[in-house]
Protein backbone atom coordinates (compact mmCIF):
# COMPACT_ATOMS: atom_id res chain seq x y z
CA MET A 1 -37.19 -33.26 4.90
CA VAL A 2 -40.41 -35.48 6.42
CA ASP A 3 -39.91 -36.08 9.92
CA PHE A 4 -42.43 -38.88 11.02
CA MET A 5 -42.87 -42.54 10.37
CA GLN A 6 -42.99 -43.52 6.91
CA VAL A 7 -43.24 -46.76 5.00
CA LEU A 8 -40.67 -46.67 1.81
CA TYR A 9 -41.44 -49.22 -0.84
CA ILE A 10 -39.42 -49.33 -3.64
CA TYR A 11 -40.32 -51.11 -6.60
CA ASP A 12 -39.16 -52.37 -9.82
CA LEU A 13 -41.49 -53.49 -12.99
CA ASN A 14 -40.29 -56.64 -14.13
CA ALA A 15 -41.09 -58.24 -17.85
CA LYS A 16 -39.68 -60.41 -20.10
CA ASP A 17 -39.80 -58.41 -23.59
CA LYS A 18 -40.71 -54.86 -24.42
CA VAL A 19 -44.24 -55.47 -25.38
CA LYS A 20 -45.09 -56.99 -22.12
CA PHE A 21 -43.11 -54.33 -20.15
CA ASN A 22 -45.31 -51.75 -21.61
CA ARG A 23 -48.33 -53.29 -20.80
CA LEU A 24 -47.29 -53.98 -17.17
CA LYS A 25 -46.45 -50.08 -17.07
CA ARG A 26 -49.50 -49.15 -18.60
CA LYS A 27 -51.42 -51.17 -16.21
CA PHE A 28 -49.39 -50.94 -13.08
CA TYR A 29 -49.09 -46.98 -13.02
CA TYR A 30 -53.09 -46.77 -14.00
CA HIS A 31 -53.85 -48.26 -10.90
CA LEU A 32 -51.48 -46.61 -9.09
CA ASN A 33 -52.86 -43.51 -9.53
CA LYS A 34 -56.35 -44.52 -8.50
CA LEU A 35 -55.03 -44.70 -5.31
CA PRO A 36 -55.91 -42.45 -2.97
CA ILE A 37 -51.89 -41.18 -2.26
CA LYS A 38 -51.72 -37.73 -1.45
CA ASN A 39 -49.52 -34.60 -1.43
CA ASP A 40 -47.87 -35.65 1.64
CA SER A 41 -46.84 -39.13 0.07
CA TRP A 42 -43.21 -38.67 -1.55
CA LYS A 43 -42.90 -40.28 -4.92
CA THR A 44 -40.29 -41.28 -7.73
CA LYS A 45 -39.84 -43.04 -10.38
CA SER A 46 -39.57 -46.15 -8.47
CA THR A 47 -39.81 -45.25 -5.23
CA LEU A 48 -43.04 -44.43 -2.58
CA ALA A 49 -42.72 -43.14 0.99
CA VAL A 50 -46.67 -43.34 2.52
CA PRO A 51 -47.46 -42.49 6.21
CA LEU A 52 -48.05 -45.89 8.25
CA LYS A 53 -51.59 -45.99 7.63
CA MET A 54 -51.63 -46.51 3.88
CA GLU A 55 -49.37 -49.69 4.72
CA LYS A 56 -51.85 -52.31 4.35
CA MET A 57 -53.61 -50.95 1.52
CA LEU A 58 -50.20 -50.51 -0.18
CA ASP A 59 -49.30 -54.15 0.28
CA ALA A 60 -52.45 -55.10 -1.05
CA PHE A 61 -51.88 -53.27 -4.05
CA PHE A 62 -47.96 -54.93 -4.53
CA LYS A 63 -49.46 -58.32 -3.65
CA VAL A 64 -51.62 -58.00 -6.60
CA PHE A 65 -48.59 -57.45 -9.14
CA LYS A 66 -46.25 -59.66 -7.14
CA SER A 67 -45.61 -61.91 -10.12
CA SER A 68 -44.60 -58.98 -12.13
CA VAL A 69 -42.89 -56.52 -9.71
CA ILE A 70 -40.26 -57.00 -7.27
CA VAL A 71 -40.53 -54.74 -4.30
CA TYR A 72 -38.68 -54.43 -1.25
CA LYS A 73 -40.05 -52.25 1.87
CA ALA A 74 -38.49 -50.41 4.62
CA TYR A 75 -39.71 -48.44 7.90
CA THR A 76 -38.14 -44.94 7.90
CA GLU A 77 -38.44 -41.97 10.44
CA SER A 78 -36.73 -39.29 8.24
CA ILE A 79 -35.81 -38.66 4.44
CA GLU A 80 -34.06 -35.86 3.22
CA GLU A 81 -33.18 -34.19 0.04
CA LEU A 82 -29.63 -33.88 -1.07
């Protein structure tokens, strides 16, 4: 359970066909893994929760992929695993 303010990003990769999807997926995750996201961040297949101080960096990252990725952002005070 996390008890401090975080930014929750929910994203979905969107491509027209399988080849373009695989190319987008490789490029997206390659660049995502280069970001300084520490272990204190919460990651799943299509969700990221990061400290508030990383918001601008991730906003800029997702803007690069805005034509191919659908992204929603929410501010959270706690996240709990069930």
